[in-house]
């Protein structure tokens, strides 16, 4: 029963996070998103070392993508298209050398 409850929570989490995704595939920082990702809202602020090279919403989007892959892998079928759209947006906007740092830093948050 506990596994079934946990499974239901993961699916709900995917849906709740998905509802916050903008049409362009990005996510923006909010108290609701921070709660869903189980992080402090300050952690959704782009780190100083990336702030001049990465727009805020791209940082948050990368954090969400890392959260999905790290914590909700079981539900990949449900979030795969959301993440594909998000990654496409980030990859188009962020230089390749910065992308590696962005991903690495975002992984530390979640």
N, C-alpha and C. Protein backbone atom coordinates (compact mmCIF):
# COMPACT_ATOMS: atom_id res chain seq x y z
N UNK A 1 0.82 -1.21 0.00
CA UNK A 1 0.00 0.00 0.00
C UNK A 1 0.86 1.26 0.00
N UNK A 2 1.97 1.24 0.75
CA UNK A 2 2.85 2.41 0.80
C UNK A 2 3.46 2.69 -0.57
N UNK A 3 3.83 1.62 -1.29
CA UNK A 3 4.40 1.80 -2.63
C UNK A 3 3.37 2.40 -3.58
N UNK A 4 2.13 1.95 -3.46
CA UNK A 4 1.06 2.50 -4.30
C UNK A 4 0.82 3.97 -3.99
N UNK A 5 0.86 4.32 -2.71
CA UNK A 5 0.69 5.72 -2.31
C UNK A 5 1.84 6.57 -2.85
N UNK A 6 3.06 6.04 -2.74
CA UNK A 6 4.23 6.76 -3.25
C UNK A 6 4.12 6.93 -4.76
N UNK A 7 3.66 5.89 -5.44
CA UNK A 7 3.50 5.96 -6.90
C UNK A 7 2.50 7.05 -7.27
N UNK A 8 1.41 7.12 -6.52
CA UNK A 8 0.41 8.16 -6.77
C UNK A 8 0.96 9.55 -6.54
N UNK A 9 1.79 9.71 -5.50
CA UNK A 9 2.39 11.01 -5.21
C UNK A 9 3.32 11.46 -6.32
N UNK A 10 4.12 10.53 -6.86
CA UNK A 10 5.03 10.87 -7.96
C UNK A 10 4.28 11.34 -9.19
N UNK A 11 3.21 10.64 -9.52
CA UNK A 11 2.41 11.02 -10.68
C UNK A 11 1.77 12.39 -10.46
N UNK A 12 1.28 12.63 -9.23
CA UNK A 12 0.69 13.93 -8.90
C UNK A 12 1.74 15.03 -9.00
N UNK A 13 2.94 14.72 -8.56
CA UNK A 13 4.02 15.69 -8.60
C UNK A 13 4.33 16.09 -10.04
N UNK A 14 4.38 15.10 -10.93
CA UNK A 14 4.63 15.38 -12.35
C UNK A 14 3.56 16.32 -12.89
N UNK A 15 2.30 16.02 -12.61
CA UNK A 15 1.19 16.84 -13.10
C UNK A 15 1.26 18.25 -12.52
N UNK A 16 1.55 18.35 -11.23
CA UNK A 16 1.62 19.68 -10.58
C UNK A 16 2.74 20.52 -11.16
N UNK A 17 3.89 19.91 -11.39
CA UNK A 17 5.02 20.64 -11.98
C UNK A 17 4.72 20.99 -13.43
N UNK A 18 4.10 20.07 -14.15
CA UNK A 18 3.76 20.30 -15.56
C UNK A 18 2.83 21.51 -15.71
N UNK A 19 1.91 21.66 -14.78
CA UNK A 19 0.97 22.79 -14.85
C UNK A 19 1.66 24.14 -14.76
N UNK A 20 2.84 24.16 -14.17
CA UNK A 20 3.57 25.42 -14.01
C UNK A 20 4.47 25.74 -15.21
N UNK A 21 4.58 24.81 -16.15
CA UNK A 21 5.44 25.04 -17.32
C UNK A 21 4.79 26.07 -18.24
N UNK A 22 5.58 27.02 -18.70
CA UNK A 22 5.09 28.02 -19.65
C UNK A 22 5.01 27.41 -21.05
N UNK A 23 4.29 28.09 -21.92
CA UNK A 23 4.08 27.60 -23.28
C UNK A 23 5.39 27.36 -24.03
N UNK A 24 6.40 28.19 -23.76
CA UNK A 24 7.68 28.05 -24.47
C UNK A 24 8.53 26.88 -23.97
N UNK A 25 8.06 26.22 -22.90
CA UNK A 25 8.79 25.07 -22.36
C UNK A 25 9.58 25.38 -21.10
N UNK A 26 9.55 26.63 -20.67
CA UNK A 26 10.33 27.03 -19.49
C UNK A 26 9.47 27.01 -18.23
N UNK A 27 10.16 27.09 -17.11
CA UNK A 27 9.52 27.27 -15.81
C UNK A 27 10.09 28.54 -15.21
N UNK A 28 9.29 29.22 -14.43
CA UNK A 28 9.75 30.42 -13.71
C UNK A 28 9.71 30.13 -12.22
N UNK A 29 10.60 30.79 -11.49
CA UNK A 29 10.68 30.59 -10.04
C UNK A 29 9.38 31.04 -9.38
N UNK A 30 8.94 30.25 -8.42
CA UNK A 30 7.77 30.60 -7.61
C UNK A 30 7.83 29.79 -6.32
N UNK A 31 7.11 30.25 -5.34
CA UNK A 31 7.06 29.52 -4.07
C UNK A 31 6.45 28.14 -4.30
N UNK A 32 5.45 28.06 -5.15
CA UNK A 32 4.79 26.78 -5.43
C UNK A 32 5.77 25.79 -6.08
N UNK A 33 6.54 26.27 -7.05
CA UNK A 33 7.50 25.39 -7.72
C UNK A 33 8.58 24.94 -6.73
N UNK A 34 9.08 25.85 -5.92
CA UNK A 34 10.10 25.48 -4.93
C UNK A 34 9.58 24.38 -4.01
N UNK A 35 8.34 24.51 -3.57
CA UNK A 35 7.74 23.50 -2.69
C UNK A 35 7.66 22.15 -3.40
N UNK A 36 7.23 22.15 -4.66
CA UNK A 36 7.12 20.91 -5.42
C UNK A 36 8.48 20.24 -5.64
N UNK A 37 9.51 21.06 -5.81
CA UNK A 37 10.86 20.54 -6.02
C UNK A 37 11.57 20.24 -4.70
N UNK A 38 10.92 20.61 -3.59
CA UNK A 38 11.47 20.41 -2.26
C UNK A 38 12.82 21.12 -2.08
N UNK A 39 12.85 22.37 -2.56
CA UNK A 39 14.04 23.21 -2.40
C UNK A 39 13.60 24.55 -1.82
N UNK A 40 14.56 25.31 -1.31
CA UNK A 40 14.27 26.65 -0.82
C UNK A 40 14.13 27.56 -2.03
N UNK A 41 13.23 28.52 -1.96
CA UNK A 41 12.99 29.41 -3.10
C UNK A 41 14.26 30.12 -3.57
N UNK A 42 15.18 30.43 -2.63
CA UNK A 42 16.45 31.07 -3.00
C UNK A 42 17.27 30.21 -3.95
N UNK A 43 17.09 28.89 -3.87
CA UNK A 43 17.84 27.99 -4.74
C UNK A 43 17.37 28.06 -6.19
N UNK A 44 16.25 28.69 -6.41
CA UNK A 44 15.75 28.87 -7.78
C UNK A 44 16.28 30.16 -8.40
N UNK A 45 17.13 30.85 -7.65
CA UNK A 45 17.77 32.05 -8.18
C UNK A 45 19.08 31.62 -8.84
N UNK A 46 19.30 32.09 -10.05
CA UNK A 46 20.49 31.71 -10.80
C UNK A 46 21.76 32.05 -10.02
N UNK A 47 22.69 31.09 -9.88
CA UNK A 47 23.93 31.36 -9.15
C UNK A 47 24.71 32.51 -9.79
N UNK A 48 25.40 33.26 -8.96
CA UNK A 48 26.15 34.44 -9.41
C UNK A 48 27.10 34.13 -10.56
N UNK A 49 27.76 32.97 -10.49
CA UNK A 49 28.74 32.64 -11.54
C UNK A 49 28.10 32.37 -12.90
N UNK A 50 26.79 32.19 -12.93
CA UNK A 50 26.09 31.96 -14.20
C UNK A 50 25.17 33.11 -14.59
N UNK A 51 24.89 33.98 -13.65
CA UNK A 51 23.87 35.02 -13.85
C UNK A 51 24.11 35.91 -15.07
N UNK A 52 25.37 36.17 -15.40
CA UNK A 52 25.64 37.04 -16.55
C UNK A 52 25.59 36.28 -17.88
N UNK A 53 25.48 34.95 -17.82
CA UNK A 53 25.47 34.15 -19.05
C UNK A 53 24.19 33.35 -19.26
N UNK A 54 23.36 33.27 -18.23
CA UNK A 54 22.15 32.46 -18.31
C UNK A 54 20.96 33.26 -17.77
N UNK A 55 19.88 33.31 -18.54
CA UNK A 55 18.68 33.99 -18.07
C UNK A 55 18.05 33.19 -16.93
N UNK A 56 17.42 33.90 -16.03
CA UNK A 56 16.83 33.31 -14.84
C UNK A 56 15.91 32.13 -15.16
N UNK A 57 15.00 32.31 -16.11
CA UNK A 57 14.03 31.24 -16.40
C UNK A 57 14.71 29.99 -16.98
N UNK A 58 15.87 30.16 -17.61
CA UNK A 58 16.60 29.01 -18.14
C UNK A 58 17.27 28.23 -17.01
N UNK A 59 17.71 28.94 -15.98
CA UNK A 59 18.25 28.29 -14.78
C UNK A 59 17.16 27.44 -14.11
N UNK A 60 16.02 28.06 -13.87
CA UNK A 60 14.92 27.35 -13.21
C UNK A 60 14.50 26.14 -14.04
N UNK A 61 14.41 26.32 -15.33
CA UNK A 61 14.02 25.22 -16.22
C UNK A 61 15.00 24.06 -16.11
N UNK A 62 16.28 24.36 -16.06
CA UNK A 62 17.29 23.31 -15.93
C UNK A 62 17.18 22.60 -14.59
N UNK A 63 16.89 23.35 -13.54
CA UNK A 63 16.69 22.73 -12.22
C UNK A 63 15.51 21.76 -12.27
N UNK A 64 14.43 22.16 -12.91
CA UNK A 64 13.26 21.28 -13.02
C UNK A 64 13.60 20.02 -13.81
N UNK A 65 14.32 20.18 -14.92
CA UNK A 65 14.71 19.03 -15.73
C UNK A 65 15.55 18.06 -14.90
N UNK A 66 16.49 18.59 -14.12
CA UNK A 66 17.32 17.73 -13.28
C UNK A 66 16.49 17.04 -12.20
N UNK A 67 15.49 17.75 -11.69
CA UNK A 67 14.61 17.15 -10.69
C UNK A 67 13.85 15.96 -11.28
N UNK A 68 13.28 16.16 -12.46
CA UNK A 68 12.57 15.07 -13.12
C UNK A 68 13.48 13.85 -13.31
N UNK A 69 14.66 14.08 -13.85
CA UNK A 69 15.55 12.96 -14.16
C UNK A 69 16.10 12.28 -12.91
N UNK A 70 16.30 13.06 -11.85
CA UNK A 70 16.90 12.53 -10.64
C UNK A 70 15.88 11.88 -9.70
N UNK A 71 14.70 12.48 -9.58
CA UNK A 71 13.74 12.04 -8.57
C UNK A 71 12.46 11.40 -9.11
N UNK A 72 12.16 11.64 -10.37
CA UNK A 72 10.91 11.11 -10.91
C UNK A 72 11.15 10.25 -12.15
N UNK A 73 12.27 9.57 -12.18
CA UNK A 73 12.64 8.74 -13.33
C UNK A 73 11.58 7.67 -13.63
N UNK A 74 10.93 7.18 -12.60
CA UNK A 74 9.89 6.16 -12.76
C UNK A 74 8.76 6.65 -13.66
N UNK A 75 8.51 7.94 -13.66
CA UNK A 75 7.41 8.53 -14.43
C UNK A 75 7.89 9.21 -15.70
N UNK A 76 9.02 8.77 -16.23
CA UNK A 76 9.59 9.42 -17.42
C UNK A 76 8.59 9.48 -18.58
N UNK A 77 7.79 8.46 -18.71
CA UNK A 77 6.80 8.46 -19.80
C UNK A 77 5.87 9.67 -19.71
N UNK A 78 5.55 10.07 -18.48
CA UNK A 78 4.66 11.22 -18.27
C UNK A 78 5.35 12.55 -18.52
N UNK A 79 6.63 12.65 -18.21
CA UNK A 79 7.31 13.96 -18.33
C UNK A 79 8.26 14.07 -19.51
N UNK A 80 8.47 13.04 -20.26
CA UNK A 80 9.47 13.05 -21.33
C UNK A 80 9.27 14.19 -22.33
N UNK A 81 8.05 14.43 -22.76
CA UNK A 81 7.81 15.50 -23.74
C UNK A 81 8.01 16.89 -23.14
N UNK A 82 7.66 17.04 -21.86
CA UNK A 82 7.89 18.33 -21.17
C UNK A 82 9.38 18.64 -21.14
N UNK A 83 10.17 17.63 -20.78
CA UNK A 83 11.61 17.79 -20.67
C UNK A 83 12.24 18.00 -22.04
N UNK A 84 11.75 17.31 -23.04
CA UNK A 84 12.28 17.48 -24.40
C UNK A 84 12.11 18.93 -24.86
N UNK A 85 10.93 19.49 -24.64
CA UNK A 85 10.66 20.88 -25.02
C UNK A 85 11.54 21.83 -24.21
N UNK A 86 11.69 21.57 -22.92
CA UNK A 86 12.50 22.41 -22.05
C UNK A 86 13.97 22.38 -22.46
N UNK A 87 14.48 21.17 -22.73
CA UNK A 87 15.89 21.04 -23.12
C UNK A 87 16.15 21.74 -24.45
N UNK A 88 15.22 21.63 -25.37
CA UNK A 88 15.37 22.28 -26.68
C UNK A 88 15.49 23.80 -26.50
N UNK A 89 14.66 24.35 -25.63
CA UNK A 89 14.67 25.78 -25.35
C UNK A 89 16.02 26.20 -24.75
N UNK A 90 16.47 25.47 -23.74
CA UNK A 90 17.73 25.80 -23.05
C UNK A 90 18.92 25.65 -24.00
N UNK A 91 18.95 24.55 -24.75
CA UNK A 91 20.08 24.31 -25.66
C UNK A 91 20.16 25.37 -26.76
N UNK A 92 19.02 25.91 -27.17
CA UNK A 92 19.02 26.94 -28.20
C UNK A 92 19.51 28.29 -27.67
N UNK A 93 19.37 28.50 -26.36
CA UNK A 93 19.67 29.80 -25.76
C UNK A 93 21.01 29.87 -25.04
N UNK A 94 21.58 28.71 -24.70
CA UNK A 94 22.78 28.69 -23.87
C UNK A 94 23.94 28.09 -24.65
N UNK A 95 25.11 28.77 -24.67
CA UNK A 95 26.28 28.21 -25.36
C UNK A 95 26.68 26.85 -24.77
N UNK A 96 27.20 25.98 -25.60
CA UNK A 96 27.54 24.62 -25.20
C UNK A 96 28.46 24.58 -23.97
N UNK A 97 29.47 25.44 -23.93
CA UNK A 97 30.40 25.43 -22.79
C UNK A 97 29.71 25.81 -21.49
N UNK A 98 28.75 26.70 -21.57
CA UNK A 98 28.00 27.13 -20.39
C UNK A 98 26.96 26.07 -20.00
N UNK A 99 26.44 25.38 -20.99
CA UNK A 99 25.42 24.36 -20.76
C UNK A 99 25.90 23.28 -19.79
N UNK A 100 27.14 22.85 -19.93
CA UNK A 100 27.69 21.82 -19.05
C UNK A 100 27.74 22.31 -17.60
N UNK A 101 28.16 23.57 -17.42
CA UNK A 101 28.24 24.15 -16.07
C UNK A 101 26.81 24.32 -15.50
N UNK A 102 25.93 24.80 -16.35
CA UNK A 102 24.53 24.99 -15.95
C UNK A 102 23.93 23.68 -15.43
N UNK A 103 24.11 22.62 -16.19
CA UNK A 103 23.56 21.32 -15.82
C UNK A 103 24.18 20.81 -14.52
N UNK A 104 25.48 20.97 -14.41
CA UNK A 104 26.20 20.52 -13.21
C UNK A 104 25.71 21.26 -11.97
N UNK A 105 25.58 22.57 -12.08
CA UNK A 105 25.13 23.38 -10.94
C UNK A 105 23.69 23.08 -10.57
N UNK A 106 22.84 22.90 -11.57
CA UNK A 106 21.42 22.61 -11.32
C UNK A 106 21.25 21.26 -10.64
N UNK A 107 22.09 20.32 -10.98
CA UNK A 107 22.03 18.99 -10.36
C UNK A 107 22.31 19.08 -8.86
N UNK A 108 23.17 20.01 -8.46
CA UNK A 108 23.51 20.18 -7.03
C UNK A 108 22.31 20.67 -6.22
N UNK A 109 21.42 21.40 -6.87
CA UNK A 109 20.27 21.97 -6.19
C UNK A 109 19.25 20.90 -5.79
N UNK A 110 19.04 19.95 -6.69
CA UNK A 110 18.03 18.92 -6.43
C UNK A 110 18.70 17.66 -5.94
